[in-house]
Each structure stands twice: as C-alpha cells, then as structure tokens.
N, C-alpha and C. Protein backbone atom coordinates (compact mmCIF):
# COMPACT_ATOMS: atom_id res chain seq x y z
N MET A 1 -31.70 31.27 23.16
CA MET A 1 -30.99 31.05 21.55
C MET A 1 -31.33 29.99 20.78
N GLU A 2 -31.06 30.22 19.41
CA GLU A 2 -31.45 29.52 18.33
C GLU A 2 -31.27 28.07 18.72
N GLY A 3 -29.85 27.93 18.83
CA GLY A 3 -29.12 26.82 18.85
C GLY A 3 -29.84 25.77 20.13
N GLY A 4 -30.69 26.37 20.95
CA GLY A 4 -31.52 25.42 21.97
C GLY A 4 -32.72 25.16 21.89
N THR A 5 -33.24 25.81 20.49
CA THR A 5 -34.67 25.21 19.97
C THR A 5 -34.53 24.01 19.18
N VAL A 6 -35.80 23.47 18.93
CA VAL A 6 -35.43 22.28 18.02
C VAL A 6 -35.47 22.76 16.69
N GLU A 7 -35.88 23.84 16.32
CA GLU A 7 -35.30 24.38 14.94
C GLU A 7 -34.00 24.48 14.81
N GLY A 8 -33.24 25.26 15.98
CA GLY A 8 -31.94 25.36 15.75
C GLY A 8 -31.24 24.17 15.77
N VAL A 9 -31.34 23.15 16.54
CA VAL A 9 -30.92 21.44 16.58
C VAL A 9 -30.70 21.20 15.31
N ALA A 10 -31.91 21.23 14.73
CA ALA A 10 -32.26 20.57 13.05
C ALA A 10 -31.34 21.38 12.04
N LYS A 11 -31.21 22.75 12.16
CA LYS A 11 -30.57 23.62 11.28
C LYS A 11 -28.82 23.08 11.60
N GLU A 12 -28.15 22.95 12.90
CA GLU A 12 -27.19 22.45 13.01
C GLU A 12 -26.59 21.23 12.44
N GLU A 13 -27.69 20.03 12.55
CA GLU A 13 -27.48 18.94 11.98
C GLU A 13 -27.40 19.02 10.45
N THR A 14 -28.37 19.99 10.02
CA THR A 14 -28.28 19.99 8.32
C THR A 14 -26.81 20.47 7.93
N ILE A 15 -26.48 21.62 8.67
CA ILE A 15 -24.94 22.24 8.17
C ILE A 15 -24.18 21.13 8.49
N ALA A 16 -24.08 20.66 9.61
CA ALA A 16 -23.10 19.61 9.78
C ALA A 16 -22.94 18.41 8.64
N LYS A 17 -24.48 17.79 8.16
CA LYS A 17 -24.20 16.99 6.93
C LYS A 17 -23.83 17.68 5.83
N SER A 18 -24.26 18.59 5.46
CA SER A 18 -23.68 19.68 4.33
C SER A 18 -22.33 19.71 4.15
N MET A 19 -21.58 19.80 5.27
CA MET A 19 -20.06 20.16 5.36
C MET A 19 -19.27 18.62 5.21
N SER A 20 -20.14 17.88 5.78
CA SER A 20 -19.30 16.38 5.50
C SER A 20 -19.12 15.76 4.07
N ILE A 21 -20.48 16.56 3.37
CA ILE A 21 -20.66 16.02 1.91
C ILE A 21 -19.83 16.98 1.02
N SER A 22 -19.70 18.25 1.42
CA SER A 22 -18.93 19.07 0.47
C SER A 22 -17.28 19.19 0.83
N ASN A 23 -16.77 18.69 2.11
CA ASN A 23 -15.52 18.45 2.45
C ASN A 23 -15.06 17.31 2.02
N PRO A 24 -14.18 17.04 1.12
CA PRO A 24 -13.51 15.87 0.66
C PRO A 24 -12.47 15.28 1.58
N TYR A 25 -12.28 15.63 2.81
CA TYR A 25 -11.32 15.17 3.76
C TYR A 25 -12.14 14.72 4.70
N LEU A 26 -13.67 14.46 4.47
CA LEU A 26 -14.32 13.67 5.48
C LEU A 26 -14.83 12.82 4.76
N GLU A 27 -14.71 12.25 3.23
CA GLU A 27 -15.18 11.12 2.29
C GLU A 27 -14.16 10.32 1.95
N PHE A 28 -14.45 9.23 1.74
CA PHE A 28 -13.60 7.92 1.43
C PHE A 28 -13.28 8.40 -0.18
N SER A 29 -12.08 7.74 -0.43
CA SER A 29 -11.60 8.13 -2.09
C SER A 29 -12.24 7.13 -2.55
N GLY A 30 -12.17 7.50 -3.98
CA GLY A 30 -12.87 6.70 -5.10
C GLY A 30 -12.56 5.24 -5.18
N ALA A 31 -11.36 4.87 -4.77
CA ALA A 31 -10.70 3.72 -4.70
C ALA A 31 -11.15 2.66 -3.47
N CYS A 32 -11.86 3.39 -2.43
CA CYS A 32 -12.31 2.70 -1.15
C CYS A 32 -13.70 2.67 -1.02
N LYS A 33 -14.41 1.69 -1.24
CA LYS A 33 -15.97 1.36 -0.85
C LYS A 33 -16.25 0.72 0.38
N ILE A 34 -17.29 0.92 1.20
CA ILE A 34 -17.81 0.49 2.34
C ILE A 34 -19.08 0.04 2.30
N ASP A 35 -18.90 -1.68 2.63
CA ASP A 35 -20.05 -2.29 2.64
C ASP A 35 -20.29 -2.82 4.12
N GLY A 36 -21.14 -2.33 4.96
CA GLY A 36 -21.29 -2.44 6.19
C GLY A 36 -19.94 -2.34 7.15
N ASP A 37 -19.54 -3.54 7.85
CA ASP A 37 -18.42 -3.09 8.60
C ASP A 37 -17.11 -3.63 7.87
N ARG A 38 -17.03 -3.62 6.62
CA ARG A 38 -15.81 -4.00 5.82
C ARG A 38 -15.57 -2.93 4.90
N ALA A 39 -14.11 -2.64 4.41
CA ALA A 39 -13.83 -1.61 3.45
C ALA A 39 -12.92 -2.45 2.37
N TYR A 40 -13.28 -1.90 1.13
CA TYR A 40 -12.76 -2.68 0.23
C TYR A 40 -12.00 -1.67 -1.01
N ILE A 41 -10.59 -2.04 -0.84
CA ILE A 41 -9.89 -0.95 -1.50
C ILE A 41 -9.01 -1.64 -2.91
N THR A 42 -8.95 -0.95 -4.02
CA THR A 42 -8.76 -1.18 -5.15
C THR A 42 -7.45 -0.73 -5.49
N ILE A 43 -6.15 -1.37 -5.84
CA ILE A 43 -4.88 -0.70 -6.33
C ILE A 43 -4.43 -1.20 -7.44
N THR A 44 -4.24 -0.55 -8.40
CA THR A 44 -4.03 -1.10 -9.65
C THR A 44 -2.44 -0.58 -10.18
N SER A 45 -1.98 0.54 -9.34
CA SER A 45 -0.39 0.57 -9.45
C SER A 45 -0.43 1.45 -8.18
N ILE A 46 0.98 1.28 -7.63
CA ILE A 46 1.29 2.10 -6.40
C ILE A 46 1.11 3.76 -6.65
N GLY A 47 1.34 4.12 -8.05
CA GLY A 47 0.92 5.63 -8.32
C GLY A 47 -0.62 5.77 -8.32
N SER A 48 -1.24 5.03 -8.65
CA SER A 48 -2.73 4.99 -8.94
C SER A 48 -3.47 5.51 -7.76
N TYR A 49 -3.21 4.63 -6.57
CA TYR A 49 -3.69 5.32 -5.16
C TYR A 49 -2.55 5.74 -4.21
N ASP A 50 -2.70 6.88 -4.54
CA ASP A 50 -1.78 8.02 -3.61
C ASP A 50 -1.50 7.80 -2.09
N SER A 51 -0.70 7.51 -1.55
CA SER A 51 -0.33 7.59 -0.29
C SER A 51 -1.01 8.29 0.65
N VAL A 52 -1.46 9.52 0.15
CA VAL A 52 -2.17 10.32 0.84
C VAL A 52 -3.65 10.03 1.11
N GLU A 53 -3.86 9.46 -0.26
CA GLU A 53 -5.38 9.11 -0.04
C GLU A 53 -5.58 7.79 0.78
N LEU A 54 -4.85 6.76 0.78
CA LEU A 54 -4.80 5.77 1.55
C LEU A 54 -4.70 6.21 3.02
N TRP A 55 -3.84 7.23 3.49
CA TRP A 55 -3.82 7.56 4.72
C TRP A 55 -5.19 8.12 5.37
N ARG A 56 -5.80 9.04 4.06
CA ARG A 56 -7.22 9.45 4.55
C ARG A 56 -8.00 8.59 4.90
N ASP A 57 -8.36 7.38 3.76
CA ASP A 57 -9.03 6.50 3.97
C ASP A 57 -8.85 5.75 5.39
N PHE A 58 -7.59 5.24 5.80
CA PHE A 58 -7.11 4.48 6.77
C PHE A 58 -7.95 5.20 8.02
N LYS A 59 -7.66 6.62 8.09
CA LYS A 59 -8.07 7.49 9.19
C LYS A 59 -9.41 7.51 9.31
N LEU A 60 -10.14 7.26 8.18
CA LEU A 60 -11.66 7.34 8.31
C LEU A 60 -12.13 5.82 8.64
N ILE A 61 -11.41 4.93 8.19
CA ILE A 61 -11.73 3.71 8.37
C ILE A 61 -11.90 3.23 10.26
N LYS A 62 -10.85 4.01 10.88
CA LYS A 62 -10.39 3.97 12.10
C LYS A 62 -11.72 4.74 13.10
N ILE A 63 -11.98 5.80 12.39
CA ILE A 63 -12.99 6.78 13.13
C ILE A 63 -14.39 6.05 13.08
N LYS A 64 -14.76 5.25 12.01
CA LYS A 64 -15.99 4.63 11.63
C LYS A 64 -15.75 3.47 12.42
N GLY A 65 -14.98 2.95 12.72
CA GLY A 65 -14.78 1.59 13.59
C GLY A 65 -14.93 0.43 12.71
N ILE A 66 -14.36 0.44 11.33
CA ILE A 66 -14.39 -0.58 10.63
C ILE A 66 -13.08 -1.52 10.94
N LYS A 67 -13.54 -2.78 11.10
CA LYS A 67 -12.47 -3.47 11.47
C LYS A 67 -12.01 -4.79 10.45
N GLU A 68 -12.11 -4.58 9.18
CA GLU A 68 -11.67 -5.28 8.15
C GLU A 68 -11.75 -4.79 6.81
N VAL A 69 -10.63 -4.80 6.21
CA VAL A 69 -10.20 -4.17 4.87
C VAL A 69 -10.00 -5.06 3.93
N ILE A 70 -10.44 -5.16 2.77
CA ILE A 70 -10.04 -6.20 1.98
C ILE A 70 -9.55 -5.30 0.76
N ILE A 71 -8.24 -5.68 0.21
CA ILE A 71 -7.33 -5.08 -1.03
C ILE A 71 -7.62 -5.83 -2.04
N TYR A 72 -7.79 -5.27 -3.32
CA TYR A 72 -7.58 -5.95 -4.49
C TYR A 72 -6.46 -5.39 -5.24
N LEU A 73 -5.38 -6.20 -5.46
CA LEU A 73 -4.17 -5.77 -5.64
C LEU A 73 -3.54 -6.32 -7.19
N ASN A 74 -3.45 -5.25 -8.21
CA ASN A 74 -3.00 -5.79 -9.41
C ASN A 74 -2.10 -4.90 -9.94
N SER A 75 -0.74 -4.80 -9.81
CA SER A 75 0.12 -3.73 -9.55
C SER A 75 1.44 -4.13 -10.33
N PRO A 76 2.06 -3.12 -11.55
CA PRO A 76 3.30 -3.40 -11.78
C PRO A 76 4.26 -2.41 -10.91
N GLY A 77 3.82 -1.98 -9.88
CA GLY A 77 4.60 -1.29 -8.93
C GLY A 77 4.50 0.12 -9.05
N GLY A 78 5.64 0.97 -8.88
CA GLY A 78 5.57 2.16 -8.91
C GLY A 78 6.74 2.91 -8.24
N ALA A 79 6.59 4.12 -7.48
CA ALA A 79 7.45 4.74 -6.88
C ALA A 79 7.74 4.17 -5.54
N ALA A 80 9.10 3.72 -5.31
CA ALA A 80 9.58 3.15 -4.35
C ALA A 80 9.10 3.69 -2.95
N PHE A 81 9.02 5.37 -2.90
CA PHE A 81 8.83 5.72 -1.62
C PHE A 81 7.22 5.79 -1.54
N GLN A 82 6.59 5.80 -2.52
CA GLN A 82 5.37 5.84 -2.55
C GLN A 82 4.93 4.26 -1.83
N GLY A 83 5.49 3.28 -2.22
CA GLY A 83 5.10 1.62 -1.93
C GLY A 83 5.72 1.65 -0.34
N MET A 84 6.90 2.57 0.03
CA MET A 84 7.22 2.19 1.48
C MET A 84 6.19 3.04 2.25
N SER A 85 5.59 4.04 2.00
CA SER A 85 4.72 4.65 2.56
C SER A 85 3.15 4.21 2.84
N ILE A 86 2.71 3.56 1.55
CA ILE A 86 1.42 2.38 1.65
C ILE A 86 1.83 1.55 2.60
N THR A 87 3.09 0.87 2.80
CA THR A 87 3.38 -0.40 3.37
C THR A 87 3.30 0.02 4.95
N ASP A 88 3.90 1.13 5.02
CA ASP A 88 3.99 1.79 6.63
C ASP A 88 2.35 1.92 7.12
N GLU A 89 1.65 2.71 5.98
CA GLU A 89 0.21 2.97 6.63
C GLU A 89 -0.55 1.55 6.81
N MET A 90 -0.31 0.80 6.04
CA MET A 90 -0.92 -0.75 6.60
C MET A 90 -0.51 -1.25 7.85
N ARG A 91 0.73 -1.02 8.06
CA ARG A 91 1.33 -1.46 9.38
C ARG A 91 0.74 -0.82 10.35
N ILE A 92 0.61 0.18 10.32
CA ILE A 92 -0.01 1.42 11.41
C ILE A 92 -1.54 0.70 11.39
N LEU A 93 -2.33 0.72 10.29
CA LEU A 93 -3.83 0.38 10.65
C LEU A 93 -3.70 -1.27 11.19
N LYS A 94 -2.93 -2.14 10.88
CA LYS A 94 -2.80 -3.67 11.45
C LYS A 94 -2.81 -3.47 13.03
N ASP A 95 -1.81 -2.41 13.51
CA ASP A 95 -1.52 -2.34 14.98
C ASP A 95 -2.58 -1.73 15.32
N SER A 96 -3.40 -1.10 14.98
CA SER A 96 -4.91 -0.67 15.57
C SER A 96 -6.05 -1.59 15.90
N GLY A 97 -5.47 -2.95 15.46
CA GLY A 97 -6.53 -4.03 15.45
C GLY A 97 -7.51 -4.25 14.16
N VAL A 98 -7.26 -3.42 12.97
CA VAL A 98 -7.98 -3.72 11.93
C VAL A 98 -7.27 -4.61 11.03
N LYS A 99 -7.94 -5.80 10.82
CA LYS A 99 -7.51 -7.14 9.72
C LYS A 99 -7.29 -6.87 8.18
N ILE A 100 -6.66 -7.05 7.75
CA ILE A 100 -5.98 -6.62 6.32
C ILE A 100 -6.06 -7.91 5.55
N THR A 101 -6.79 -8.21 4.49
CA THR A 101 -6.49 -9.16 3.41
C THR A 101 -6.11 -8.57 2.19
N VAL A 102 -5.32 -9.14 1.49
CA VAL A 102 -4.94 -8.89 0.26
C VAL A 102 -5.20 -9.78 -1.10
N GLU A 103 -6.08 -9.70 -1.74
CA GLU A 103 -6.22 -10.57 -3.12
C GLU A 103 -5.29 -10.05 -4.14
N GLY A 104 -4.35 -10.87 -4.72
CA GLY A 104 -3.54 -10.65 -5.74
C GLY A 104 -4.03 -11.19 -6.92
N ARG A 105 -3.82 -10.28 -7.92
CA ARG A 105 -4.21 -10.65 -9.48
C ARG A 105 -3.36 -10.31 -10.23
N GLY A 106 -3.29 -10.87 -11.26
CA GLY A 106 -2.28 -10.75 -12.69
C GLY A 106 -1.14 -10.45 -12.09
N LEU A 107 -0.61 -9.16 -11.85
CA LEU A 107 1.07 -8.80 -11.70
C LEU A 107 1.10 -8.17 -10.39
N ILE A 108 2.01 -8.57 -9.53
CA ILE A 108 2.60 -8.20 -8.30
C ILE A 108 4.08 -8.00 -8.53
N ALA A 109 4.23 -6.62 -8.57
CA ALA A 109 5.66 -6.28 -8.88
C ALA A 109 6.31 -5.30 -8.14
N SER A 110 7.72 -5.60 -8.03
CA SER A 110 8.47 -4.41 -7.38
C SER A 110 7.81 -3.81 -6.08
N ALA A 111 7.60 -2.37 -6.25
CA ALA A 111 7.05 -1.81 -5.29
C ALA A 111 5.77 -2.03 -4.36
N ALA A 112 5.08 -3.02 -5.24
CA ALA A 112 3.82 -3.67 -4.82
C ALA A 112 4.08 -4.88 -4.11
N ILE A 113 5.26 -5.34 -4.13
CA ILE A 113 5.43 -6.72 -3.18
C ILE A 113 5.41 -6.46 -1.62
N PRO A 114 6.01 -5.45 -1.12
CA PRO A 114 5.92 -5.31 0.24
C PRO A 114 4.42 -4.91 0.52
N VAL A 115 3.82 -4.08 -0.20
CA VAL A 115 2.09 -3.88 0.14
C VAL A 115 1.62 -5.22 0.22
N PHE A 116 1.85 -6.23 -0.59
CA PHE A 116 1.12 -7.51 -0.84
C PHE A 116 1.66 -8.18 0.61
N LEU A 117 2.80 -8.40 1.02
CA LEU A 117 3.14 -9.02 2.06
C LEU A 117 2.79 -8.50 3.70
N MET A 118 2.64 -7.06 3.61
CA MET A 118 1.94 -6.47 4.65
C MET A 118 0.77 -7.09 5.32
N ALA A 119 -0.12 -7.78 4.57
CA ALA A 119 -1.52 -7.90 4.88
C ALA A 119 -1.38 -9.12 5.96
N ASP A 120 -2.53 -9.17 6.95
CA ASP A 120 -2.52 -10.69 7.59
C ASP A 120 -3.00 -11.73 7.09
N HIS A 121 -3.63 -11.53 6.07
CA HIS A 121 -3.99 -12.87 5.03
C HIS A 121 -4.18 -12.26 3.58
N ARG A 122 -3.25 -13.28 2.86
CA ARG A 122 -2.60 -12.99 1.46
C ARG A 122 -3.24 -13.95 0.65
N ILE A 123 -3.65 -13.48 -0.32
CA ILE A 123 -4.44 -14.41 -1.47
C ILE A 123 -3.93 -14.26 -2.91
N ALA A 124 -3.71 -15.47 -3.82
CA ALA A 124 -3.39 -14.82 -4.99
C ALA A 124 -3.91 -15.93 -6.02
N THR A 125 -4.33 -15.48 -7.21
CA THR A 125 -4.93 -16.69 -8.14
C THR A 125 -3.69 -17.42 -8.83
N LYS A 126 -3.81 -18.41 -9.16
CA LYS A 126 -2.72 -19.32 -9.58
C LYS A 126 -1.83 -18.80 -10.83
N ASN A 127 -2.45 -17.86 -11.32
CA ASN A 127 -1.45 -17.36 -12.66
C ASN A 127 -1.33 -16.07 -12.38
N THR A 128 -1.14 -15.36 -10.95
CA THR A 128 -0.51 -14.20 -10.57
C THR A 128 0.91 -14.48 -10.77
N ILE A 129 1.63 -13.57 -11.45
CA ILE A 129 3.10 -13.63 -11.52
C ILE A 129 3.74 -12.42 -10.70
N PHE A 130 4.84 -12.66 -10.04
CA PHE A 130 5.49 -11.66 -9.06
C PHE A 130 7.10 -11.27 -9.48
N LEU A 131 7.65 -10.07 -9.39
CA LEU A 131 8.81 -9.71 -9.95
C LEU A 131 9.23 -8.88 -8.77
N ILE A 132 10.58 -9.40 -8.48
CA ILE A 132 11.56 -8.62 -7.73
C ILE A 132 12.81 -8.17 -8.62
N HIS A 133 13.07 -6.84 -8.33
CA HIS A 133 14.09 -6.32 -9.58
C HIS A 133 15.04 -5.70 -8.57
N PRO A 134 16.48 -5.04 -9.06
CA PRO A 134 17.25 -4.10 -8.58
C PRO A 134 16.78 -2.68 -8.45
N ALA A 135 17.04 -1.97 -7.27
CA ALA A 135 16.45 -0.66 -7.38
C ALA A 135 17.41 0.19 -8.37
N ALA A 136 16.41 1.27 -8.67
CA ALA A 136 17.03 2.22 -9.64
C ALA A 136 16.52 3.49 -9.58
N LEU A 137 17.18 4.65 -9.83
CA LEU A 137 16.69 5.86 -9.92
C LEU A 137 16.43 6.26 -11.53
N SER A 138 15.34 7.20 -11.31
CA SER A 138 14.89 7.55 -12.74
C SER A 138 15.26 9.08 -12.71
N LYS A 139 15.95 9.41 -14.10
CA LYS A 139 16.48 10.87 -14.23
C LYS A 139 15.71 11.39 -15.48
N TRP A 140 15.52 12.79 -15.44
CA TRP A 140 14.91 13.53 -16.58
C TRP A 140 16.01 14.71 -16.88
N GLY A 141 15.97 15.19 -18.25
CA GLY A 141 16.85 16.42 -18.39
C GLY A 141 17.96 16.16 -18.71
N TYR A 142 18.49 17.69 -18.92
CA TYR A 142 20.19 17.60 -19.24
C TYR A 142 20.97 18.26 -17.80
N PHE A 143 21.90 17.53 -17.13
CA PHE A 143 22.62 18.13 -16.07
C PHE A 143 23.82 17.29 -15.96
N THR A 144 24.51 18.23 -15.29
CA THR A 144 26.00 17.53 -14.88
C THR A 144 25.92 17.05 -13.26
N GLU A 145 26.69 16.19 -13.16
CA GLU A 145 26.65 15.59 -11.62
C GLU A 145 28.19 15.50 -11.42
N THR A 146 28.43 15.54 -10.02
CA THR A 146 29.54 15.38 -9.37
C THR A 146 29.90 14.15 -8.89
N LEU A 147 31.37 13.80 -8.58
CA LEU A 147 31.49 12.69 -7.75
C LEU A 147 30.62 12.43 -6.79
N ASN A 148 30.68 13.74 -5.90
CA ASN A 148 29.83 13.64 -4.63
C ASN A 148 28.33 13.20 -4.94
N ASP A 149 27.79 13.97 -6.01
CA ASP A 149 26.15 13.43 -6.34
C ASP A 149 26.13 11.87 -6.63
N LEU A 150 27.29 11.34 -7.38
CA LEU A 150 27.14 9.91 -7.43
C LEU A 150 27.17 9.07 -6.58
N GLN A 151 28.12 9.41 -5.45
CA GLN A 151 28.17 8.75 -4.31
C GLN A 151 27.04 8.86 -3.37
N SER A 152 26.27 10.19 -3.46
CA SER A 152 25.12 10.13 -2.73
C SER A 152 23.95 9.34 -3.31
N GLN A 153 23.85 9.50 -4.61
CA GLN A 153 22.85 8.58 -5.17
C GLN A 153 23.04 6.90 -5.03
N ALA A 154 24.35 6.76 -4.93
CA ALA A 154 24.36 5.28 -4.70
C ALA A 154 24.39 4.77 -3.23
N LYS A 155 24.41 5.81 -2.51
CA LYS A 155 24.10 5.74 -0.95
C LYS A 155 22.63 5.42 -0.90
N LEU A 156 21.69 6.11 -1.43
CA LEU A 156 20.21 6.06 -1.89
C LEU A 156 19.93 4.78 -2.07
N ILE A 157 20.26 4.35 -3.31
CA ILE A 157 19.96 3.18 -3.75
C ILE A 157 20.08 1.91 -2.58
N THR A 158 21.33 2.17 -2.09
CA THR A 158 21.89 1.02 -0.85
C THR A 158 20.72 1.10 -0.02
N MET A 159 20.41 2.01 0.32
CA MET A 159 19.39 2.45 1.49
C MET A 159 17.64 1.84 1.15
N LEU A 160 17.67 2.13 -0.14
CA LEU A 160 16.26 1.55 -0.80
C LEU A 160 16.31 -0.02 -0.90
N GLN A 161 17.60 -0.56 -1.44
CA GLN A 161 17.79 -2.07 -1.30
C GLN A 161 17.37 -2.44 -0.11
N GLU A 162 18.20 -1.87 0.98
CA GLU A 162 18.29 -2.67 2.32
C GLU A 162 16.80 -2.63 3.00
N SER A 163 16.02 -1.53 2.78
CA SER A 163 14.71 -1.26 3.24
C SER A 163 13.83 -2.49 2.43
N TYR A 164 14.02 -2.42 1.36
CA TYR A 164 12.90 -3.33 0.42
C TYR A 164 13.32 -4.84 0.90
N ALA A 165 14.73 -5.12 0.94
CA ALA A 165 14.93 -6.66 1.56
C ALA A 165 14.52 -6.97 2.63
N GLU A 166 14.44 -5.91 3.69
CA GLU A 166 14.02 -5.96 4.99
C GLU A 166 12.86 -6.42 4.83
N SER A 167 11.94 -5.51 4.23
CA SER A 167 10.52 -5.90 4.36
C SER A 167 9.83 -7.21 3.83
N VAL A 168 10.61 -7.34 2.78
CA VAL A 168 10.22 -8.58 2.12
C VAL A 168 10.58 -9.93 2.61
N SER A 169 11.94 -9.83 3.64
CA SER A 169 12.11 -10.90 4.61
C SER A 169 11.27 -11.19 5.72
N GLU A 170 11.00 -9.90 6.20
CA GLU A 170 10.05 -9.98 7.43
C GLU A 170 8.43 -10.70 6.93
N GLY A 171 8.25 -10.18 5.79
CA GLY A 171 6.76 -10.87 5.27
C GLY A 171 6.79 -12.33 4.82
N SER A 172 7.98 -12.98 4.56
CA SER A 172 8.04 -14.18 4.26
C SER A 172 9.13 -15.20 4.49
N ASN A 173 9.40 -16.02 4.30
CA ASN A 173 10.27 -17.11 4.91
C ASN A 173 11.79 -16.97 4.03
N LEU A 174 11.94 -15.76 3.37
CA LEU A 174 13.39 -15.95 2.66
C LEU A 174 14.08 -14.76 3.57
N SER A 175 15.53 -15.02 3.54
CA SER A 175 16.41 -14.59 4.66
C SER A 175 16.66 -13.07 3.80
N LYS A 176 17.11 -11.98 4.35
CA LYS A 176 17.31 -10.60 3.79
C LYS A 176 18.27 -11.01 2.71
N LYS A 177 19.36 -11.72 3.10
CA LYS A 177 20.63 -11.87 2.38
C LYS A 177 20.01 -12.65 1.01
N LYS A 178 19.02 -13.59 0.97
CA LYS A 178 18.57 -14.11 -0.10
C LYS A 178 17.72 -13.05 -0.94
N VAL A 179 16.91 -12.20 -0.52
CA VAL A 179 16.31 -11.22 -1.25
C VAL A 179 17.21 -10.18 -1.75
N LEU A 180 18.20 -9.93 -1.53
CA LEU A 180 19.28 -8.84 -1.78
C LEU A 180 20.13 -9.62 -3.14
N GLU A 181 19.96 -10.83 -2.90
CA GLU A 181 20.43 -11.58 -4.37
C GLU A 181 19.72 -11.79 -5.38
N MET A 182 18.34 -11.92 -5.21
CA MET A 182 17.39 -11.90 -5.96
C MET A 182 17.34 -10.78 -6.63
N MET A 183 17.57 -9.72 -5.92
CA MET A 183 17.17 -8.23 -6.62
C MET A 183 18.67 -7.75 -7.28
N LYS A 184 19.59 -8.74 -7.81
CA LYS A 184 20.53 -8.37 -8.42
C LYS A 184 20.03 -8.56 -10.04
N ARG A 185 19.09 -9.04 -10.35
CA ARG A 185 18.63 -9.03 -11.59
C ARG A 185 17.08 -9.37 -11.68
N ASP A 186 16.38 -9.04 -12.72
CA ASP A 186 14.94 -9.13 -12.60
C ASP A 186 14.56 -10.48 -12.11
N HIS A 187 13.77 -11.00 -11.29
CA HIS A 187 13.53 -12.06 -10.63
C HIS A 187 12.08 -12.30 -10.92
N TRP A 188 11.47 -13.13 -11.93
CA TRP A 188 9.99 -13.35 -11.91
C TRP A 188 10.11 -14.77 -11.52
N PHE A 189 8.52 -14.89 -10.71
CA PHE A 189 8.26 -16.21 -10.11
C PHE A 189 6.76 -16.42 -10.11
N THR A 190 6.34 -17.47 -10.09
CA THR A 190 4.77 -17.91 -10.19
C THR A 190 4.12 -17.65 -8.99
N ALA A 191 3.08 -17.83 -8.78
CA ALA A 191 2.26 -17.98 -7.50
C ALA A 191 2.86 -19.07 -6.78
N LYS A 192 2.90 -20.32 -7.36
CA LYS A 192 3.32 -21.26 -6.67
C LYS A 192 4.79 -21.08 -6.21
N GLU A 193 5.69 -20.54 -6.64
CA GLU A 193 6.87 -20.38 -6.31
C GLU A 193 7.06 -19.43 -4.61
N ALA A 194 5.90 -18.21 -5.10
CA ALA A 194 5.62 -17.41 -4.15
C ALA A 194 5.06 -17.80 -2.75
N LYS A 195 4.24 -18.91 -3.11
CA LYS A 195 3.60 -19.80 -1.88
C LYS A 195 5.04 -20.36 -1.25
N GLU A 196 5.84 -20.79 -1.87
CA GLU A 196 6.99 -21.60 -1.21
C GLU A 196 7.80 -20.63 -0.68
N PHE A 197 7.95 -19.36 -1.01
CA PHE A 197 8.73 -18.41 -0.67
C PHE A 197 8.13 -17.69 0.86
N GLY A 198 6.76 -18.28 1.00
CA GLY A 198 6.09 -17.66 2.28
C GLY A 198 5.32 -16.46 2.01
N PHE A 199 5.05 -16.08 0.73
CA PHE A 199 4.40 -14.92 0.41
C PHE A 199 2.85 -14.92 0.27
N ILE A 200 2.40 -16.16 -0.01
CA ILE A 200 1.03 -16.58 -0.13
C ILE A 200 0.44 -17.20 0.80
N ASP A 201 -0.83 -17.05 1.45
CA ASP A 201 -1.67 -17.99 2.02
C ASP A 201 -2.31 -19.24 1.42
N ILE A 202 -2.91 -18.79 0.67
CA ILE A 202 -3.78 -19.21 -0.26
C ILE A 202 -3.79 -18.97 -1.54
N ILE A 203 -3.75 -20.11 -2.70
CA ILE A 203 -3.71 -20.05 -4.17
C ILE A 203 -5.23 -20.20 -4.52
N GLN A 204 -5.67 -19.59 -5.23
CA GLN A 204 -7.09 -19.60 -5.70
C GLN A 204 -7.02 -20.27 -7.33
C-alpha cells in the first residue's frame, strides 16, 4: 500500500501539515502569540477577545504543553456573560497546572476586574485605574414589558451582582458584603487602593 512506503508517509505528513494550516480551529487566535513555552495574550476589551477564541487558545495551550500564560489587560469591561466565561476558562486552565500572570494597564473596569483577579500573579502600573459599578441590563427597540418581565430582569441583575461580588471577594481581601456595597454606585479607585484591597501583587 502507498501509505506503507516512504513516499506514502511523506504524502500523509504533507496533508496533515496543510490541514493544520487551513483549519482555523487548529491555530491560535490573533490575540495569542507563542514564544517558546510561553503564551502571550492581549485583551483590550472583554468583547474584543471572544470567549470562544480564548477557549480555543487555552485548549491549544494545554495540547502543546505550554505552562505559562502572560495576559496584557487594558479593558473598559464588556458584556457580563463574556467576562464570566473568560474568568471560568482562566480558572479551568489554572487548575490544569498552567501559571497565569496578568499585567494591567490603563483601565481595568467592570467585567474585566474578575478576569484580572483570576490570575496567579497580578501586576499593574501605578497609573492604572479600576472601576466597580452596579450591574445593569441594556435594551434596544420598542417593546412592552409585563410585571413578570420586570421581576425576571430584577432576578437576573441580582444573580449577576451576587456572582460578580463573589468572584471579586474570592480574588481579594474584600468581603462579599463590601463588594456589594461598592457596587451601589460607580466606584473608581487607584492602583495603590487596589493593592490595599488585595487586587494587585506588584505595582510597577
């Protein structure tokens, strides 16, 4: 058979290589760069780095045996569910033995804060600003809503606030009660304050 010859083996290897190039599911996303045994990921907003792309990158990182990920994070936040998904993917990757470092720059706000806090090692520059704010729902178009609709939305907002506060509390020295209190209004704070809250390991 051809597959048993030297020519056949070479042909199979060529086909395998061409498939890995043409199939995007076997490639890292544009936000992820590999250098040796390290992966470098850039996140400029929670929406700019889709959680599906991150899931794919993390799967490839584990397949290739990469043991360290460094994330550049400068984000005004984004959709809550995207942030929750990214945070969960980071936790799963950490549990598999991969070390994650996040370097914060500029602004770490809203849904980006749990992402920042999920890292093993958290670094931020001295001018980095942080923001925690109340959970909210965005709506578009013209529609009517019943009392049941409003009650359902109130339940969803409460669930989001509880989940967010729990994530922030677990990654800092703030109690869940304190985080919920901070979420009653826009709460801006400096890198120095963030370090006092237990958000940051090193200020650069």
